[in-house]
Amino acid sequence: MKLSTSSVIGAIAGASAAPSSSPSPCVSVPSTPLRSAYQPLEHFTSYSIEFSSFADFAGNLSSPNKYSDNLLNNIAYYAGSKPLVRVGGNTQDLTIFNATQQLAVIQQFSTENPDYPANETIGPAFFESYQTWPGVRFSHGFNLAENSTEARKALLDSVPYACKALRGKFNGWELGNEPDLFWLPISGTAARGSNYNQADYVAEWLYWARAIRSKMQKTCPDLTNDATFKFFAPSLAGSASISKFDTAQVFAAGLNADKDIKYIAQHKYIAAGGDAGITQQGTLMNHTNNILAVNQLLNVSASIQATSGRNLIPNAPYILGEGNSLARQGIGGVSNSFGAALWGLDYGLLLVSNGIGRWHMHQGVNYRYQAWQPIETHNTTKGTKAPYYSNIAVSAFLGNLTNAEQRPQVVDLELPQSDESAYASYVQGRLSKIIVINMSEYNATASNLGYINAYARPVETYSFQLPCSIKGAHLQRLLANGSDSITGVTFDGFSYAAELNNGKPVRLPNITTGEYIKVGRDGKATVQLLRSSAVILNFT
């Protein structure tokens, strides 16, 4: 059944459309991309899970977290394979392994930071969590920060358990998280002091990477040959104000001397909770701000490629190994809102269009920017959060990535305003899809931009001049009642709410789907969006 654009607008719960604003200029879309246009890697949409939260996200063999697995399967429906999962973060560098501990995890929290434990011990049962998600491949983070004799022995004691757990589902090791911040007196880590430098780090990393390999040879020799023993590195925070390291110089100092770097992993957050001046519109729902952030990542990449001694630079993909909206676990009402979902959609596709082939979106239990809360706690209800829907929308736009020849080239169409964006997808050189993202803030819970009626939501109109071969487009919409909504989000009419079917897709009857628009004889396609929403045009 084909329904009109006006019917989808009227079908959104709690919204009545205000008159359309002035339409954006018609955007001419090339029939083919430049040869240099970038493609994503397989598993572009991937996750980074805080080490101290992993057992809650995954469960164990007697009680696997099927809800989390359902959400991973939803990504695979569009992407063709499940996300890769990195298990790491700050708490990998304060976790000590105890081979005699019966419990999987024992944690102690401080009043200073309730978001994650001040210290943690894990036992052999922890590694059961790697067995609960069929078809997922993992990277496991080893503790480099704690450098006491006891901690170093525990590091090596954990190696046989880690390699056996990841056999058949291995994607990489990681030794240390954000070592460029080790010099800071961070609670719960063994700070190195202000004299700790890049040469110190490289020497330390090489020594313990080699020790891990030697230990692993006794238990998992198949994972220790040159083809299989691989790392994410250097996993720097890269914060210009406090980092003393430079990724390019770390490699120049010999980090890849053993040729065991699989991914050049960089971390990046848009801003941090507690920073001055953070707003939903100015910080997150802002294409210009996203460009600045991506350019910072690209500057690191360019610096690596320009480094002398190129034989030390790994022939490896450059990825965002950990990232999200607002560091320090986010801000309630901002980084868990639908506005943050629109941010994640724009940011993810901007990464792809600039050659950053994978994003491990970070999350943890009770974090305000998480994609989902895997369990019920006294702080947060179990549930699918708004940012998860951006992961679904990105995956739907990119499509099945398992076949390298079918992976799309993604091009930023460079719309004129900072609160909007559009991207074109080309498969084997032919235009396949366009996505339009309107990031102009509309709040569902208060009057917006001076409208007397709090629910009068403006409609934006976008036009595209298309190649003559395209006759029409099927639409898929990313919707919520407003950019401040933290629930009620849908993609293509589907909800992935935990309370409906434990994270499996449920088609909601009050959301219009199946829309189709025709391309005019002049080759022009026009689509309307509610302010603070997005739409994919799948061309026929």
Protein backbone atom coordinates (compact mmCIF):
# COMPACT_ATOMS: atom_id res chain seq x y z
CA MET A 1 0.00 0.00 0.00
CA LYS A 2 1.39 3.39 -0.99
CA LEU A 3 0.76 6.24 1.41
CA SER A 4 1.45 9.92 0.96
CA THR A 5 4.00 11.96 2.87
CA SER A 6 1.20 13.90 4.53
CA SER A 7 -0.26 10.69 5.93
CA VAL A 8 2.99 9.73 7.66
CA ILE A 9 3.15 13.16 9.24
CA GLY A 10 -0.37 12.87 10.52
CA ALA A 11 0.22 9.38 11.85
CA ILE A 12 2.97 10.36 14.29
CA ALA A 13 1.61 10.18 17.79
CA GLY A 14 1.28 13.54 19.48
CA ALA A 15 2.33 15.64 16.50
CA SER A 16 0.43 17.95 14.20
CA ALA A 17 2.40 19.54 11.43
CA ALA A 18 3.05 23.25 11.22
CA PRO A 19 3.33 24.83 7.79
CA SER A 20 6.44 23.97 5.83
CA SER A 21 9.40 26.25 6.08
CA SER A 22 11.12 27.45 2.93
CA PRO A 23 12.42 24.42 1.03
CA SER A 24 16.15 23.84 0.80
CA PRO A 25 17.69 24.47 -2.62
CA CYS A 26 17.47 21.56 -5.04
CA VAL A 27 20.63 19.48 -4.65
CA SER A 28 22.16 18.02 -7.78
CA VAL A 29 23.23 14.44 -7.10
CA PRO A 30 25.99 13.01 -9.30
CA SER A 31 25.09 9.85 -11.20
CA THR A 32 28.42 8.28 -10.21
CA PRO A 33 30.79 8.94 -7.33
CA LEU A 34 34.40 10.00 -7.55
CA ARG A 35 36.70 7.01 -7.66
CA SER A 36 38.19 8.23 -4.41
CA ALA A 37 34.86 8.02 -2.54
CA TYR A 38 35.20 5.79 0.48
CA GLN A 39 33.57 2.52 1.45
CA PRO A 40 33.03 1.22 5.00
CA LEU A 41 34.65 -1.90 6.35
CA GLU A 42 32.47 -4.88 7.16
CA HIS A 43 31.01 -4.47 10.67
CA PHE A 44 31.05 -0.66 10.39
CA THR A 45 28.49 -0.50 13.19
CA SER A 46 30.34 -2.14 16.06
CA TYR A 47 30.48 -1.72 19.82
CA SER A 48 32.93 -1.06 22.60
CA ILE A 49 31.70 -2.30 25.97
CA GLU A 50 33.21 -1.12 29.24
CA PHE A 51 35.21 -4.00 30.72
CA SER A 52 33.42 -3.76 34.08
CA SER A 53 30.01 -3.92 32.32
CA PHE A 54 30.64 -6.79 29.91
CA ALA A 55 29.36 -9.58 32.15
CA ASP A 56 26.07 -7.69 32.55
CA PHE A 57 25.75 -7.04 28.81
CA ALA A 58 26.51 -10.63 27.80
CA GLY A 59 25.45 -12.75 30.77
CA ASN A 60 27.01 -16.19 31.23
CA LEU A 61 26.45 -19.73 30.01
CA SER A 62 23.73 -20.49 32.57
CA SER A 63 22.00 -17.14 32.00
CA PRO A 64 22.94 -15.57 28.67
CA ASN A 65 21.65 -12.06 28.01
CA LYS A 66 19.30 -12.87 25.14
CA TYR A 67 18.01 -9.31 25.02
CA SER A 68 21.48 -7.99 24.12
CA ASP A 69 21.88 -10.74 21.56
CA ASN A 70 18.55 -9.82 19.97
CA LEU A 71 19.77 -6.25 19.52
CA LEU A 72 22.97 -7.48 17.87
CA ASN A 73 20.90 -9.68 15.56
CA ASN A 74 18.86 -6.62 14.52
CA ILE A 75 22.05 -4.96 13.26
CA ALA A 76 22.98 -8.16 11.40
CA TYR A 77 19.59 -8.13 9.63
CA TYR A 78 20.68 -5.00 7.74
CA ALA A 79 24.48 -5.32 7.81
CA GLY A 80 24.70 -9.04 6.99
CA SER A 81 26.81 -9.86 10.07
CA LYS A 82 26.79 -9.05 13.75
CA PRO A 83 28.83 -6.16 15.14
CA LEU A 84 32.35 -6.72 16.38
CA VAL A 85 32.63 -6.15 20.12
CA ARG A 86 35.59 -4.60 21.86
CA VAL A 87 35.73 -5.35 25.60
CA GLY A 88 37.82 -2.62 27.19
CA GLY A 89 37.79 0.98 28.34
CA ASN A 90 39.02 2.64 31.51
CA THR A 91 38.15 -0.33 33.69
CA GLN A 92 40.30 -2.82 31.76
CA ASP A 93 43.20 -0.93 33.32
CA LEU A 94 41.98 -1.33 36.88
CA THR A 95 40.85 -4.97 36.64
CA ILE A 96 42.97 -7.70 38.29
CA PHE A 97 42.55 -11.38 37.49
CA ASN A 98 42.31 -13.86 40.38
CA ALA A 99 42.45 -17.48 39.28
CA THR A 100 40.98 -18.70 42.59
CA GLN A 101 37.98 -16.35 42.59
CA GLN A 102 34.68 -18.20 42.23
CA LEU A 103 32.57 -15.22 41.21
CA ALA A 104 32.93 -13.84 37.70
CA VAL A 105 33.27 -10.26 38.93
CA ILE A 106 33.79 -8.52 42.28
CA GLN A 107 33.58 -4.73 42.20
CA GLN A 108 34.09 -1.92 44.69
CA PHE A 109 32.69 1.54 43.98
CA SER A 110 33.73 4.89 45.35
CA THR A 111 31.42 7.79 46.13
CA GLU A 112 33.54 9.96 43.82
CA ASN A 113 32.59 8.07 40.66
CA PRO A 114 29.45 5.91 40.74
CA ASP A 115 29.61 5.19 37.00
CA TYR A 116 32.16 2.40 37.21
CA PRO A 117 34.09 0.60 39.95
CA ALA A 118 37.20 2.02 41.56
CA ASN A 119 38.66 -1.49 41.44
CA GLU A 120 37.56 -4.86 40.15
CA THR A 121 38.71 -8.45 40.27
CA ILE A 122 37.62 -11.12 37.83
CA GLY A 123 37.79 -14.88 38.05
CA PRO A 124 37.80 -17.60 35.40
CA ALA A 125 33.99 -17.48 35.23
CA PHE A 126 34.24 -14.00 33.68
CA PHE A 127 35.35 -15.53 30.41
CA GLU A 128 32.05 -17.41 30.04
CA SER A 129 30.59 -14.12 28.85
CA TYR A 130 32.48 -14.51 25.58
CA GLN A 131 30.43 -17.63 24.81
CA THR A 132 26.91 -16.17 24.95
CA TRP A 133 26.60 -14.29 21.63
CA PRO A 134 26.79 -16.67 18.66
CA GLY A 135 28.52 -15.23 15.61
CA VAL A 136 30.19 -12.32 17.43
CA ARG A 137 33.95 -11.77 17.32
CA PHE A 138 35.69 -9.93 20.15
CA SER A 139 38.76 -8.03 21.18
CA HIS A 140 39.85 -8.41 24.79
CA GLY A 141 41.60 -5.68 26.77
CA PHE A 142 44.57 -6.50 29.02
CA ASN A 143 45.50 -4.28 31.96
CA LEU A 144 48.66 -2.27 31.27
CA ALA A 145 48.17 0.56 33.77
CA GLU A 146 48.49 -1.47 36.97
CA ASN A 147 52.21 -2.21 37.14
CA SER A 148 52.81 -3.80 40.53
CA THR A 149 54.45 -7.24 40.67
CA GLU A 150 51.10 -8.75 41.68
CA ALA A 151 49.23 -7.04 38.85
CA ARG A 152 51.76 -8.15 36.24
CA LYS A 153 51.55 -11.77 37.46
CA ALA A 154 47.74 -11.54 37.30
CA LEU A 155 47.97 -10.19 33.74
CA LEU A 156 49.92 -13.23 32.59
CA ASP A 157 47.76 -15.61 34.64
CA SER A 158 44.70 -14.36 32.72
CA VAL A 159 46.18 -15.06 29.28
CA PRO A 160 45.31 -18.80 29.01
CA TYR A 161 41.70 -18.11 30.00
CA ALA A 162 41.40 -15.22 27.55
CA CYS A 163 42.86 -17.04 24.56
CA LYS A 164 40.77 -20.16 25.14
CA ALA A 165 37.61 -18.05 25.48
CA LEU A 166 38.27 -16.19 22.21
CA ARG A 167 39.36 -19.17 20.15
CA GLY A 168 37.10 -19.21 17.08
CA LYS A 169 35.74 -15.72 17.86
CA PHE A 170 38.91 -13.65 18.05
CA ASN A 171 39.28 -10.19 16.52
CA GLY A 172 42.21 -8.74 18.46
CA TRP A 173 43.95 -8.03 21.73
CA GLU A 174 44.35 -4.65 23.34
CA LEU A 175 47.07 -3.83 25.86
CA GLY A 176 46.22 -0.71 27.81
CA ASN A 177 43.47 1.86 27.34
CA GLU A 178 44.39 5.48 26.57
CA PRO A 179 48.00 5.23 27.79
CA ASP A 180 48.53 8.88 26.89
CA LEU A 181 46.62 9.62 30.10
CA PHE A 182 48.61 7.25 32.34
CA TRP A 183 50.56 10.20 33.73
CA LEU A 184 47.39 11.64 35.28
CA PRO A 185 46.58 10.83 38.91
CA ILE A 186 43.34 9.06 37.98
CA SER A 187 41.64 7.24 40.85
CA GLY A 188 41.96 3.48 40.55
CA THR A 189 44.95 3.36 38.19
CA ALA A 190 48.67 3.24 38.81
CA ALA A 191 49.62 6.65 37.43
CA ARG A 192 53.11 6.79 35.93
CA GLY A 193 53.87 10.38 36.81
CA SER A 194 54.51 13.48 34.76
CA ASN A 195 57.76 12.18 33.24
CA TYR A 196 56.08 9.21 31.54
CA ASN A 197 56.66 9.62 27.80
CA GLN A 198 56.16 7.94 24.45
CA ALA A 199 59.43 6.02 24.60
CA ASP A 200 58.53 4.67 28.05
CA TYR A 201 55.16 3.55 26.79
CA VAL A 202 56.49 1.84 23.67
CA ALA A 203 59.15 -0.05 25.65
CA GLU A 204 56.57 -1.14 28.22
CA TRP A 205 54.01 -2.14 25.59
CA LEU A 206 56.50 -4.20 23.58
CA TYR A 207 57.80 -5.99 26.69
CA TRP A 208 54.37 -7.07 27.89
CA ALA A 209 52.96 -7.83 24.41
CA ARG A 210 55.87 -10.22 23.95
CA ALA A 211 55.30 -11.70 27.41
CA ILE A 212 51.64 -12.28 26.56
CA ARG A 213 52.61 -14.02 23.34
CA SER A 214 55.10 -16.24 25.13
CA LYS A 215 52.52 -17.20 27.75
CA MET A 216 49.89 -17.84 25.07
CA GLN A 217 52.14 -20.24 23.17
CA LYS A 218 51.72 -22.79 25.96
CA THR A 219 47.91 -22.78 25.79
CA CYS A 220 46.83 -21.41 22.39
CA PRO A 221 49.76 -21.79 20.00
CA ASP A 222 47.37 -21.37 17.07
CA LEU A 223 46.79 -17.76 18.16
CA THR A 224 50.47 -16.84 18.40
CA ASN A 225 51.71 -17.05 14.82
CA ASP A 226 52.39 -13.91 12.82
CA ALA A 227 49.01 -14.07 11.10
CA THR A 228 46.92 -14.43 14.26
CA PHE A 229 48.65 -12.58 17.10
CA LYS A 230 47.22 -9.11 16.54
CA PHE A 231 46.38 -5.96 18.51
CA PHE A 232 44.24 -2.83 18.52
CA ALA A 233 46.73 -0.01 19.20
CA PRO A 234 47.67 2.49 20.43
CA SER A 235 44.12 3.39 21.59
CA LEU A 236 45.03 6.94 22.60
CA ALA A 237 42.50 9.37 24.03
CA GLY A 238 44.07 12.05 21.87
CA SER A 239 42.80 14.92 24.02
CA ALA A 240 44.84 17.92 22.94
CA SER A 241 44.64 19.58 26.35
CA ILE A 242 46.01 16.70 28.45
CA SER A 243 47.58 14.07 26.17
CA LYS A 244 51.37 14.02 25.94
CA PHE A 245 51.45 11.43 23.16
CA ASP A 246 51.10 11.61 19.41
CA THR A 247 49.88 8.54 17.53
CA ALA A 248 52.31 9.01 14.65
CA GLN A 249 55.26 9.45 17.00
CA VAL A 250 54.27 6.36 18.97
CA PHE A 251 54.60 4.34 15.79
CA ALA A 252 57.81 6.13 14.89
CA ALA A 253 59.16 5.04 18.28
CA GLY A 254 58.65 1.41 17.29
CA LEU A 255 55.26 0.29 18.61
CA ASN A 256 54.80 -1.93 15.53
CA ALA A 257 58.30 -3.41 15.68
CA ASP A 258 56.82 -6.92 15.81
CA LYS A 259 54.34 -6.23 12.98
CA ASP A 260 51.43 -7.23 15.21
CA ILE A 261 49.11 -4.20 14.91
CA LYS A 262 45.83 -5.23 13.23
CA TYR A 263 43.95 -1.94 13.65
CA ILE A 264 45.22 1.58 14.21
CA ALA A 265 42.69 2.48 16.88
CA GLN A 266 41.98 6.06 17.92
CA HIS A 267 39.46 7.25 20.52
CA LYS A 268 37.27 10.31 20.14
CA TYR A 269 34.33 11.93 21.93
CA ILE A 270 32.58 15.07 20.70
CA ALA A 271 32.77 16.77 24.11
CA ALA A 272 32.55 15.73 27.76
CA GLY A 273 29.99 15.92 30.51
CA GLY A 274 30.88 18.86 32.71
CA ASP A 275 32.23 20.96 29.85
CA ALA A 276 30.80 24.45 29.63
CA GLY A 277 28.27 25.36 26.99
CA ILE A 278 27.04 21.91 25.98
CA THR A 279 23.65 22.00 24.28
CA GLN A 280 21.76 19.49 22.20
CA GLN A 281 21.61 21.79 19.17
CA GLY A 282 25.03 23.39 19.38
CA THR A 283 27.06 20.35 20.42
CA LEU A 284 25.35 17.28 18.99
CA MET A 285 22.72 18.17 16.41
CA ASN A 286 25.26 20.11 14.42
CA HIS A 287 26.84 18.90 11.17
CA THR A 288 29.52 21.60 11.33
CA ASN A 289 30.60 20.44 14.77
CA ASN A 290 30.72 16.86 13.53
CA ILE A 291 32.95 17.92 10.64
CA LEU A 292 35.37 19.51 13.11
CA ALA A 293 35.47 16.30 15.15
CA VAL A 294 36.05 14.09 12.12
CA ASN A 295 38.75 16.45 10.87
CA GLN A 296 40.59 15.93 14.14
CA LEU A 297 40.58 12.20 13.47
CA LEU A 298 41.72 12.78 9.90
CA ASN A 299 44.58 14.98 11.10
CA VAL A 300 45.84 12.07 13.19
CA SER A 301 45.59 9.75 10.18
CA ALA A 302 47.45 12.21 7.95
CA SER A 303 50.17 12.60 10.56
CA ILE A 304 50.64 8.82 10.70
CA GLN A 305 50.98 8.58 6.95
CA ALA A 306 53.50 11.42 6.89
CA THR A 307 55.69 9.90 9.60
CA SER A 308 59.27 9.04 8.69
CA GLY A 309 60.31 5.43 9.05
CA ARG A 310 57.25 4.17 7.23
CA ASN A 311 58.35 0.58 7.67
CA LEU A 312 57.13 0.99 11.25
CA ILE A 313 53.64 2.12 10.20
CA PRO A 314 51.26 -0.85 10.21
CA ASN A 315 49.45 -1.72 7.02
CA ALA A 316 46.19 -1.63 8.95
CA PRO A 317 42.78 0.06 8.82
CA TYR A 318 42.39 3.28 10.78
CA ILE A 319 39.30 2.96 12.98
CA LEU A 320 37.47 4.72 15.76
CA GLY A 321 38.17 2.10 18.41
CA GLU A 322 36.13 3.87 21.09
CA GLY A 323 33.85 6.85 20.76
CA ASN A 324 30.50 8.33 21.59
CA SER A 325 28.85 11.68 22.10
CA LEU A 326 29.85 13.05 25.50
CA ALA A 327 32.74 11.58 27.50
CA ARG A 328 32.44 10.98 31.24
CA GLN A 329 29.49 8.74 30.45
CA GLY A 330 27.27 11.46 29.03
CA ILE A 331 24.55 13.79 30.28
CA GLY A 332 20.99 12.69 31.02
CA GLY A 333 18.45 14.35 28.74
CA VAL A 334 21.11 15.13 26.12
CA SER A 335 23.21 12.10 25.22
CA ASN A 336 20.31 9.67 25.76
CA SER A 337 17.85 11.68 23.68
CA PHE A 338 16.56 11.31 20.14
CA GLY A 339 18.74 14.30 19.29
CA ALA A 340 21.74 12.13 20.17
CA ALA A 341 20.39 9.48 17.79
CA LEU A 342 20.30 12.05 14.98
CA TRP A 343 23.82 13.08 15.96
CA GLY A 344 25.00 9.44 15.79
CA LEU A 345 23.42 8.98 12.38
CA ASP A 346 25.13 12.06 10.95
CA TYR A 347 28.45 11.37 12.68
CA GLY A 348 28.56 7.73 11.60
CA LEU A 349 27.98 8.52 7.93
CA LEU A 350 30.43 11.40 8.07
CA LEU A 351 33.05 8.95 9.35
CA VAL A 352 32.35 6.60 6.43
CA SER A 353 32.40 9.37 3.83
CA ASN A 354 35.83 10.43 5.11
CA GLY A 355 37.42 7.00 5.08
CA ILE A 356 37.13 5.94 8.72
CA GLY A 357 35.82 2.46 8.11
CA ARG A 358 34.54 1.34 11.50
CA TRP A 359 33.13 2.83 14.69
CA HIS A 360 33.12 0.95 17.99
CA MET A 361 30.39 2.86 19.81
CA HIS A 362 31.21 2.78 23.51
CA GLN A 363 28.72 1.98 26.26
CA GLY A 364 28.45 0.68 29.80
CA VAL A 365 25.86 -0.11 32.44
CA ASN A 366 23.99 3.06 33.51
CA TYR A 367 25.91 5.25 31.04
CA ARG A 368 23.86 8.16 29.76
CA TYR A 369 24.99 7.67 26.13
CA GLN A 370 24.50 3.91 25.96
CA ALA A 371 22.71 2.20 23.08
CA TRP A 372 20.94 -0.10 25.50
CA GLN A 373 20.79 -0.88 29.21
CA PRO A 374 21.22 -4.67 29.46
CA ILE A 375 19.89 -5.20 32.99
CA GLU A 376 17.69 -3.51 35.56
CA THR A 377 19.60 -1.47 38.15
CA HIS A 378 18.59 1.00 40.84
CA ASN A 379 19.78 3.78 38.50
CA THR A 380 18.47 2.76 35.08
CA THR A 381 15.72 0.56 33.71
CA LYS A 382 16.54 -2.21 31.26
CA GLY A 383 15.75 -0.91 27.81
CA THR A 384 16.66 0.12 24.29
CA LYS A 385 17.85 3.71 24.29
CA ALA A 386 17.43 6.31 21.57
CA PRO A 387 21.06 6.11 20.30
CA TYR A 388 20.53 2.46 19.33
CA TYR A 389 18.14 3.55 16.59
CA SER A 390 20.91 5.51 14.91
CA ASN A 391 22.90 2.26 14.74
CA ILE A 392 19.93 0.62 13.02
CA ALA A 393 19.48 3.51 10.58
CA VAL A 394 23.20 3.62 9.69
CA SER A 395 23.16 -0.15 9.12
CA ALA A 396 20.04 0.08 6.95
CA PHE A 397 21.57 2.84 4.84
CA LEU A 398 24.90 1.04 4.35
CA GLY A 399 23.22 -2.31 3.72
CA ASN A 400 24.84 -5.74 3.63
CA LEU A 401 28.60 -5.25 4.02
CA THR A 402 29.67 -8.89 3.89
CA ASN A 403 30.46 -8.75 0.17
CA ALA A 404 33.32 -6.31 -0.44
CA GLU A 405 32.24 -5.70 -4.04
CA GLN A 406 28.76 -4.62 -2.92
CA ARG A 407 29.83 -2.22 -0.19
CA PRO A 408 28.62 1.30 -0.94
CA GLN A 409 30.67 4.39 -1.54
CA VAL A 410 29.24 7.14 0.63
CA VAL A 411 29.32 10.83 -0.33
CA ASP A 412 28.39 13.84 1.80
CA LEU A 413 26.04 15.98 -0.32
CA GLU A 414 26.99 19.07 1.71
CA LEU A 415 23.65 20.70 2.46
CA PRO A 416 24.00 24.40 3.25
CA GLN A 417 22.87 24.56 6.91
CA SER A 418 24.67 23.21 9.97
CA ASP A 419 21.46 21.62 11.28
CA GLU A 420 20.94 19.36 8.26
CA SER A 421 22.85 16.83 6.22
CA ALA A 422 22.39 14.37 3.37
CA TYR A 423 24.46 11.51 2.04
CA ALA A 424 24.36 9.51 -1.18
CA SER A 425 25.16 5.80 -1.40
CA TYR A 426 26.58 4.28 -4.58
CA VAL A 427 26.82 0.53 -5.12
CA GLN A 428 29.15 -0.54 -7.92
CA GLY A 429 29.15 3.03 -9.20
CA ARG A 430 25.36 3.47 -9.36
CA LEU A 431 23.28 5.70 -7.11
CA SER A 432 21.42 3.46 -4.68
CA LYS A 433 20.14 5.59 -1.77
CA ILE A 434 20.03 9.04 -0.27
CA ILE A 435 19.54 9.77 3.40
CA VAL A 436 18.38 13.17 4.67
CA ILE A 437 18.88 14.14 8.32
CA ASN A 438 17.14 17.18 9.78
CA MET A 439 18.82 18.20 13.04
CA SER A 440 16.87 21.38 13.70
CA GLU A 441 15.85 21.06 17.34
CA TYR A 442 12.19 20.38 18.06
CA ASN A 443 11.22 19.60 21.62
CA ALA A 444 8.12 17.53 22.24
CA THR A 445 7.77 18.53 25.89
CA ALA A 446 7.76 22.30 25.57
CA SER A 447 6.77 25.02 23.15
CA ASN A 448 9.29 25.19 20.36
CA LEU A 449 10.74 28.22 18.58
CA GLY A 450 7.93 30.50 19.61
CA TYR A 451 5.00 28.41 18.39
CA ILE A 452 1.91 28.95 20.53
CA ASN A 453 0.87 25.33 20.01
CA ALA A 454 3.53 23.21 21.71
CA TYR A 455 2.85 20.35 19.29
CA ALA A 456 2.98 22.32 16.05
CA ARG A 457 5.97 20.70 14.44
CA PRO A 458 7.43 22.27 11.32
CA VAL A 459 7.90 20.26 8.15
CA GLU A 460 11.02 20.67 6.04
CA THR A 461 11.12 20.05 2.28
CA TYR A 462 14.16 18.70 0.40
CA SER A 463 14.58 18.31 -3.35
CA PHE A 464 17.19 16.37 -5.29
CA GLN A 465 18.03 16.38 -8.98
CA LEU A 466 18.63 12.74 -9.82
CA PRO A 467 20.04 10.68 -12.70
CA CYS A 468 17.42 9.99 -15.37
CA SER A 469 17.40 6.25 -14.71
CA ILE A 470 15.75 6.65 -11.28
CA LYS A 471 11.96 6.52 -11.26
CA GLY A 472 11.04 6.57 -7.59
CA ALA A 473 12.03 5.75 -4.03
CA HIS A 474 10.74 3.69 -1.12
CA LEU A 475 11.07 5.60 2.16
CA GLN A 476 12.25 4.52 5.60
CA ARG A 477 11.88 7.07 8.38
CA LEU A 478 13.67 7.55 11.70
CA LEU A 479 11.13 9.19 14.00
CA ALA A 480 10.32 10.26 17.54
CA ASN A 481 8.00 12.88 19.00
CA GLY A 482 10.86 15.34 19.32
CA SER A 483 14.60 15.71 19.66
CA ASP A 484 14.25 15.65 23.45
CA SER A 485 12.39 12.31 23.44
CA ILE A 486 14.13 9.48 25.22
CA THR A 487 11.49 6.85 24.39
CA GLY A 488 9.07 6.19 21.55
CA VAL A 489 11.70 6.07 18.82
CA THR A 490 11.04 4.04 15.67
CA PHE A 491 12.84 3.18 12.44
CA ASP A 492 10.71 2.24 9.45
CA GLY A 493 7.83 1.78 11.86
CA PHE A 494 9.72 -0.72 14.02
CA SER A 495 10.33 -0.47 17.73
CA TYR A 496 13.10 -2.47 19.37
CA ALA A 497 11.90 -1.83 22.90
CA ALA A 498 12.79 -4.40 25.53
CA GLU A 499 9.28 -4.38 26.94
CA LEU A 500 7.61 -5.25 23.62
CA ASN A 501 9.50 -8.35 22.48
CA ASN A 502 12.79 -8.33 24.36
CA GLY A 503 14.51 -6.18 21.73
CA LYS A 504 13.24 -8.00 18.65
CA PRO A 505 11.59 -5.75 16.02
CA VAL A 506 7.91 -4.97 16.52
CA ARG A 507 6.01 -3.06 13.83
CA LEU A 508 3.88 -0.37 15.47
CA PRO A 509 0.41 0.13 13.96
CA ASN A 510 0.28 3.90 14.51
CA ILE A 511 3.33 4.69 12.36
CA THR A 512 2.91 5.03 8.62
CA THR A 513 5.16 2.78 6.54
CA GLY A 514 5.38 1.70 2.92
CA GLU A 515 5.67 5.22 1.52
CA TYR A 516 6.75 5.62 -2.09
CA ILE A 517 7.55 8.82 -3.93
CA LYS A 518 7.81 9.22 -7.69
CA VAL A 519 10.55 11.12 -9.46
CA GLY A 520 9.18 13.86 -11.72
CA ARG A 521 9.73 13.98 -15.42
CA ASP A 522 12.32 16.65 -14.76
CA GLY A 523 14.32 14.12 -12.68
CA LYS A 524 13.52 15.86 -9.44
CA ALA A 525 12.57 14.01 -6.22
CA THR A 526 11.03 15.96 -3.36
CA VAL A 527 10.63 14.60 0.17
CA GLN A 528 9.26 16.15 3.35
CA LEU A 529 10.55 15.58 6.86
CA LEU A 530 9.26 16.53 10.24
CA ARG A 531 11.82 18.72 11.94
CA SER A 532 14.21 16.53 14.02
CA SER A 533 13.87 13.37 11.94
CA ALA A 534 15.53 11.50 9.10
CA VAL A 535 14.51 9.56 6.01
CA ILE A 536 16.20 7.09 3.67
CA LEU A 537 15.25 7.13 -0.02
CA ASN A 538 15.78 3.66 -1.50
CA PHE A 539 15.77 4.18 -5.25
CA THR A 540 14.02 2.02 -7.82
